[in-house]
Amino acid sequence: MDIRRNHRDMTAQQKSALIDAILLLKSNVDSVLRPGEQGRYDDFVQIHKNSMGRGNPLTPNPHRSPLFYPWHRILIRQFELALQAAANDSTITLPYWNWQLNGADNPFTSDFMGANGDNLRAQRVTSGFFSMEQTRFEVKVWDDAPDNPGIRRNLGANGTLPTAEMVISALNRTPYWTEQSGWENVSEVELHNAVHTWIGGSMGQATSPNDPIFFLHHCHLDLLWERWKHQHRDIPAYTNEAGSAEMNDTVLVFHPANEPAPWSQTFTVQQTLDTEDLDYRYEYI
C-alpha cells in the first residue's frame, strides 16, 4: 500500500528520489502516445490538454463535471505508478501541497519545486530541477503552437490562494454535485481553479501538468475528496448531474478513439471511490 503525505513531512532523501524519478520519466522513458517525439511525462500533459477540449478533445470532458474527481484520481495514480517504474523504486509516492507558503509548507524552494518565473524571461523558470537551464526540463506539449520551451510561473500575480476557511466551507457542502453549490462544484471553482490562477504561467493553461506542481496540487484535492467522504458518510461519494449514483459503472475516458490508450487498464467511477482499491492511501485523513 502506497502512503501519500504532505511534502513538508518528506525526508530530503524522499524528495530527492521523487525529483530524480520525475526527471527520468521526462527524459529517459519514451512516450506511449507519440513515440520518439516526447517523453512519457509529456503523455500526461497531452492527456490533460485533450481533457480540457484542446488538441484532440475527450468526450465527456471531465472538467466542470461530476467526473472531475474520479478522472483526476486515475490520472495522478497512473503518473505515480509511472514514476515508480521509471526509477525502479516502489517506495516513491506523490506528496500533496496544502496551498500554504509558511516555512516548510512552501514547495517553491531551490531543493524541491523550484522558484518563481523570471519576469525578464516571460516568467520562465530559469533555476531549479525543472528548468531548461539546470536539467533541460523541456516543454514538448503546448496549448497551441510550440512556444516557450521552459515551464512558466507568475506566483501571486492573479488572485489569492485558498484559505483554511474556504477549505472548511467547501468540505461542508453537500451533496457531491448540484448545479452550483455541491462539493464538486464549489471545490473545483473556489479551490482548484484558484490555485491554477495564482500560480499562473504553465499552470494557467490546458497543458498545466507541464509544471510538476500540478501533481502536488491535485494530490491535495484528491485528499480533500477523501476528507469530504469521511465527513459525509451518510451520502453518496459520487453523484451525476441528475443527482443519481447510478452511473458508477461509467468508464472514464483518457484518450480519443483515434489515439492509442495511455495505459492498458480501463477504470470505472466505482473503481475510484476507495483509494485502497487503487493500492494507496493518505497518511492523515
Protein backbone atom coordinates (compact mmCIF):
# COMPACT_ATOMS: atom_id res chain seq x y z
CA MET A 1 0.00 0.00 0.00
CA ASP A 2 1.49 3.32 -1.08
CA ILE A 3 1.28 6.10 1.51
CA ARG A 4 0.96 9.71 0.39
CA ARG A 5 1.96 12.50 2.76
CA ASN A 6 2.35 16.25 2.92
CA HIS A 7 5.55 17.27 1.14
CA ARG A 8 6.68 19.09 4.28
CA ASP A 9 6.86 15.70 6.04
CA MET A 10 9.10 14.11 3.42
CA THR A 11 12.76 13.50 4.17
CA ALA A 12 15.43 15.07 1.99
CA GLN A 13 16.09 11.62 0.55
CA GLN A 14 12.43 11.12 -0.34
CA LYS A 15 12.27 14.49 -2.07
CA SER A 16 15.45 13.74 -3.99
CA ALA A 17 14.09 10.36 -5.10
CA LEU A 18 10.86 11.98 -6.30
CA ILE A 19 12.72 14.65 -8.27
CA ASP A 20 15.01 12.06 -9.85
CA ALA A 21 12.01 9.95 -10.86
CA ILE A 22 10.27 12.94 -12.48
CA LEU A 23 13.41 13.74 -14.46
CA LEU A 24 13.74 10.10 -15.55
CA LEU A 25 10.11 9.99 -16.66
CA LYS A 26 10.66 13.19 -18.61
CA SER A 27 13.88 12.27 -20.39
CA ASN A 28 14.56 8.53 -20.14
CA VAL A 29 11.18 6.90 -20.76
CA ASP A 30 9.70 7.10 -24.24
CA SER A 31 6.18 8.25 -24.96
CA VAL A 32 3.31 5.82 -25.50
CA LEU A 33 1.23 8.42 -27.33
CA ARG A 34 3.93 9.98 -29.53
CA PRO A 35 6.99 7.67 -29.52
CA GLY A 36 10.18 9.44 -30.47
CA GLU A 37 8.61 12.88 -30.22
CA GLN A 38 8.18 13.31 -26.48
CA GLY A 39 8.78 11.56 -23.17
CA ARG A 40 6.40 9.54 -21.06
CA TYR A 41 5.98 12.53 -18.71
CA ASP A 42 4.66 14.52 -21.67
CA ASP A 43 1.94 11.94 -22.30
CA PHE A 44 0.26 13.08 -19.09
CA VAL A 45 0.38 16.68 -20.33
CA GLN A 46 -1.19 15.55 -23.61
CA ILE A 47 -3.96 13.65 -21.83
CA HIS A 48 -4.85 16.68 -19.73
CA LYS A 49 -4.74 19.00 -22.73
CA ASN A 50 -7.23 16.77 -24.51
CA SER A 51 -9.39 16.64 -21.38
CA MET A 52 -9.69 20.43 -21.48
CA GLY A 53 -11.11 20.33 -25.00
CA ARG A 54 -7.84 21.23 -26.72
CA GLY A 55 -5.77 19.17 -29.14
CA ASN A 56 -7.85 16.02 -29.62
CA PRO A 57 -10.73 16.60 -27.19
CA LEU A 58 -12.03 13.91 -24.88
CA THR A 59 -15.72 13.14 -24.58
CA PRO A 60 -17.03 13.55 -21.97
CA ASN A 61 -14.91 16.43 -20.68
CA PRO A 62 -14.10 15.71 -17.01
CA HIS A 63 -13.85 19.38 -16.03
CA ARG A 64 -16.86 21.23 -14.57
CA SER A 65 -18.43 17.81 -14.39
CA PRO A 66 -19.08 15.19 -11.69
CA LEU A 67 -16.28 13.18 -13.32
CA PHE A 68 -13.68 15.70 -12.17
CA TYR A 69 -12.56 13.86 -9.03
CA PRO A 70 -12.68 10.26 -10.31
CA TRP A 71 -10.91 11.20 -13.56
CA HIS A 72 -8.08 13.13 -11.91
CA ARG A 73 -7.68 10.39 -9.29
CA ILE A 74 -6.77 7.91 -12.03
CA LEU A 75 -4.56 10.42 -13.88
CA ILE A 76 -2.37 11.15 -10.86
CA ARG A 77 -2.32 7.50 -9.72
CA GLN A 78 -1.10 6.41 -13.16
CA PHE A 79 1.53 9.16 -13.02
CA GLU A 80 2.64 7.93 -9.61
CA LEU A 81 2.96 4.34 -10.88
CA ALA A 82 4.89 5.61 -13.92
CA LEU A 83 7.35 7.38 -11.59
CA GLN A 84 7.88 4.16 -9.64
CA ALA A 85 8.52 2.22 -12.84
CA ALA A 86 10.88 4.85 -14.26
CA ALA A 87 13.02 4.83 -11.12
CA ASN A 88 12.51 1.12 -10.38
CA ASP A 89 11.57 2.23 -6.88
CA SER A 90 8.19 1.22 -5.46
CA THR A 91 8.68 3.49 -2.42
CA ILE A 92 8.17 6.67 -4.43
CA THR A 93 4.80 8.31 -3.83
CA LEU A 94 3.31 11.65 -4.75
CA PRO A 95 3.09 14.19 -1.93
CA TYR A 96 0.48 16.90 -1.63
CA TRP A 97 0.80 20.66 -1.14
CA ASN A 98 -1.74 22.22 1.24
CA TRP A 99 -1.63 25.62 -0.56
CA GLN A 100 0.24 27.28 2.30
CA LEU A 101 3.54 29.14 1.94
CA ASN A 102 4.75 29.43 5.52
CA GLY A 103 8.05 27.75 6.36
CA ALA A 104 8.21 24.09 5.36
CA ASP A 105 4.79 24.31 3.67
CA ASN A 106 6.32 26.29 0.79
CA PRO A 107 7.15 23.94 -2.11
CA PHE A 108 8.73 26.65 -4.27
CA THR A 109 12.26 26.18 -2.95
CA SER A 110 15.55 25.52 -4.69
CA ASP A 111 15.77 21.99 -3.30
CA PHE A 112 12.26 20.98 -4.36
CA MET A 113 9.83 22.50 -6.89
CA GLY A 114 11.99 25.50 -7.76
CA ALA A 115 11.24 29.20 -7.68
CA ASN A 116 9.01 31.69 -9.45
CA GLY A 117 9.45 32.58 -13.11
CA ASP A 118 11.83 35.31 -14.23
CA ASN A 119 9.91 38.45 -15.21
CA LEU A 120 12.72 39.29 -17.64
CA ARG A 121 12.27 35.92 -19.41
CA ALA A 122 8.50 35.89 -19.94
CA GLN A 123 8.04 34.31 -16.48
CA ARG A 124 10.11 31.29 -17.42
CA VAL A 125 11.51 29.24 -14.53
CA THR A 126 15.27 29.54 -15.01
CA SER A 127 16.59 27.82 -11.89
CA GLY A 128 15.96 24.60 -10.03
CA PHE A 129 15.48 21.00 -11.09
CA PHE A 130 12.65 21.75 -13.51
CA SER A 131 14.32 24.45 -15.55
CA MET A 132 15.79 24.27 -19.03
CA GLU A 133 18.95 25.82 -17.65
CA GLN A 134 19.69 23.18 -14.99
CA THR A 135 18.24 19.93 -16.31
CA ARG A 136 16.80 20.73 -19.74
CA PHE A 137 13.30 20.09 -18.44
CA GLU A 138 11.87 20.98 -21.82
CA VAL A 139 8.21 21.61 -22.63
CA LYS A 140 7.12 19.37 -25.51
CA VAL A 141 3.33 19.90 -25.43
CA TRP A 142 1.71 23.34 -25.70
CA ASP A 143 -1.88 24.57 -25.78
CA ASP A 144 -1.40 25.82 -29.32
CA ALA A 145 1.73 26.21 -31.48
CA PRO A 146 5.18 25.48 -29.96
CA ASP A 147 6.14 28.32 -27.66
CA ASN A 148 8.49 28.83 -24.70
CA PRO A 149 10.47 25.60 -24.15
CA GLY A 150 10.55 26.13 -20.36
CA ILE A 151 7.79 25.99 -17.77
CA ARG A 152 6.49 29.38 -16.64
CA ARG A 153 5.20 30.69 -13.29
CA ASN A 154 3.85 34.03 -12.15
CA LEU A 155 3.20 33.39 -8.48
CA GLY A 156 0.62 35.64 -6.86
CA ALA A 157 0.09 37.92 -9.84
CA ASN A 158 -3.57 36.92 -10.09
CA GLY A 159 -5.84 36.21 -7.17
CA THR A 160 -5.03 34.55 -3.87
CA LEU A 161 -4.55 31.01 -2.61
CA PRO A 162 -7.49 29.32 -0.89
CA THR A 163 -7.65 29.94 2.84
CA ALA A 164 -8.28 27.34 5.52
CA GLU A 165 -11.75 28.83 5.97
CA MET A 166 -12.51 28.34 2.27
CA VAL A 167 -11.45 24.70 2.50
CA ILE A 168 -13.69 24.12 5.54
CA SER A 169 -16.60 25.83 3.81
CA ALA A 170 -16.20 23.65 0.71
CA LEU A 171 -15.96 20.48 2.82
CA ASN A 172 -19.30 21.37 4.41
CA ARG A 173 -21.07 21.46 1.05
CA THR A 174 -23.45 18.67 0.13
CA PRO A 175 -24.35 16.73 -1.93
CA TYR A 176 -21.42 15.72 -4.15
CA TRP A 177 -22.94 17.53 -7.13
CA THR A 178 -25.52 20.23 -7.70
CA GLU A 179 -25.59 22.77 -10.48
CA GLN A 180 -23.98 25.46 -8.31
CA SER A 181 -23.41 24.61 -4.67
CA GLY A 182 -22.36 20.96 -4.28
CA TRP A 183 -18.97 19.80 -3.03
CA GLU A 184 -17.59 19.22 -6.52
CA ASN A 185 -18.93 22.46 -7.96
CA VAL A 186 -17.62 24.69 -5.18
CA SER A 187 -14.28 22.93 -4.66
CA GLU A 188 -13.41 22.85 -8.36
CA VAL A 189 -14.10 26.55 -8.82
CA GLU A 190 -13.04 28.08 -5.50
CA LEU A 191 -10.15 25.76 -4.57
CA HIS A 192 -8.88 24.04 -7.71
CA ASN A 193 -9.21 26.92 -10.16
CA ALA A 194 -7.89 29.49 -7.67
CA VAL A 195 -4.57 27.65 -7.27
CA HIS A 196 -4.05 27.28 -11.02
CA THR A 197 -4.72 31.01 -11.41
CA TRP A 198 -2.46 32.03 -8.52
CA ILE A 199 0.50 30.07 -9.89
CA GLY A 200 -0.20 31.27 -13.43
CA GLY A 201 2.09 30.65 -16.37
CA SER A 202 2.02 26.99 -17.38
CA MET A 203 -0.49 26.18 -14.64
CA GLY A 204 -2.93 28.60 -16.22
CA GLN A 205 -3.16 26.50 -19.39
CA ALA A 206 -4.75 23.25 -20.54
CA THR A 207 -1.22 21.85 -20.58
CA SER A 208 -0.82 22.63 -16.87
CA PRO A 209 0.88 19.28 -16.00
CA ASN A 210 3.98 20.67 -17.74
CA ASP A 211 4.67 22.08 -14.26
CA PRO A 212 5.23 19.26 -11.74
CA ILE A 213 3.48 21.33 -9.06
CA PHE A 214 0.27 20.25 -10.86
CA PHE A 215 0.53 16.80 -9.29
CA LEU A 216 1.06 18.10 -5.74
CA HIS A 217 -1.92 20.41 -6.20
CA HIS A 218 -4.17 17.61 -7.43
CA CYS A 219 -3.00 15.26 -4.69
CA HIS A 220 -4.32 17.76 -2.17
CA LEU A 221 -7.65 17.93 -3.97
CA ASP A 222 -7.74 14.14 -4.02
CA LEU A 223 -7.07 14.10 -0.27
CA LEU A 224 -9.84 16.64 0.29
CA TRP A 225 -12.30 14.42 -1.59
CA GLU A 226 -11.35 11.68 0.88
CA ARG A 227 -11.92 14.03 3.80
CA TRP A 228 -15.28 15.11 2.36
CA LYS A 229 -16.34 11.46 2.08
CA HIS A 230 -15.32 10.75 5.67
CA GLN A 231 -17.19 13.85 6.85
CA HIS A 232 -20.37 12.87 4.98
CA ARG A 233 -20.50 9.10 5.29
CA ASP A 234 -24.31 9.05 5.06
CA ILE A 235 -24.48 10.41 1.49
CA PRO A 236 -23.12 9.03 -1.82
CA ALA A 237 -19.44 9.69 -2.52
CA TYR A 238 -20.31 10.43 -6.14
CA THR A 239 -23.45 11.53 -7.94
CA ASN A 240 -24.05 12.56 -11.55
CA GLU A 241 -25.72 15.69 -12.89
CA ALA A 242 -29.13 14.21 -12.14
CA GLY A 243 -28.18 13.61 -8.52
CA SER A 244 -28.03 9.85 -9.00
CA ALA A 245 -25.28 7.41 -8.00
CA GLU A 246 -26.42 5.00 -10.71
CA MET A 247 -23.64 5.99 -13.12
CA ASN A 248 -20.85 4.49 -11.04
CA ASP A 249 -20.21 1.98 -13.82
CA THR A 250 -19.32 4.83 -16.19
CA VAL A 251 -15.95 4.17 -17.84
CA LEU A 252 -13.51 7.07 -17.52
CA VAL A 253 -12.08 8.26 -20.85
CA PHE A 254 -8.38 9.13 -21.20
CA HIS A 255 -7.89 9.00 -24.95
CA PRO A 256 -9.94 9.74 -28.08
CA ALA A 257 -10.89 6.79 -30.25
CA ASN A 258 -8.28 7.60 -32.90
CA GLU A 259 -5.32 7.64 -30.47
CA PRO A 260 -3.66 4.83 -28.53
CA ALA A 261 -4.64 4.23 -24.92
CA PRO A 262 -2.12 5.72 -22.46
CA TRP A 263 -2.29 2.58 -20.28
CA SER A 264 -3.77 -0.87 -20.70
CA GLN A 265 -6.33 -0.74 -17.88
CA THR A 266 -9.74 0.83 -18.02
CA PHE A 267 -11.41 2.29 -14.94
CA THR A 268 -14.98 3.00 -13.91
CA VAL A 269 -16.11 5.64 -11.46
CA GLN A 270 -16.87 2.87 -8.97
CA GLN A 271 -13.24 1.75 -9.02
CA THR A 272 -12.11 5.19 -7.87
CA LEU A 273 -14.34 5.57 -4.82
CA ASP A 274 -11.96 3.82 -2.41
CA THR A 275 -8.27 4.73 -2.63
CA GLU A 276 -7.27 1.39 -1.14
CA ASP A 277 -8.79 -0.34 -4.17
CA LEU A 278 -6.12 1.54 -6.12
CA ASP A 279 -3.47 0.48 -3.58
CA TYR A 280 -2.77 3.82 -1.94
CA ARG A 281 -3.96 5.91 0.98
CA TYR A 282 -3.10 9.16 2.74
CA GLU A 283 -1.04 9.32 5.89
CA TYR A 284 -3.64 11.52 7.59
CA ILE A 285 -7.31 12.00 6.74
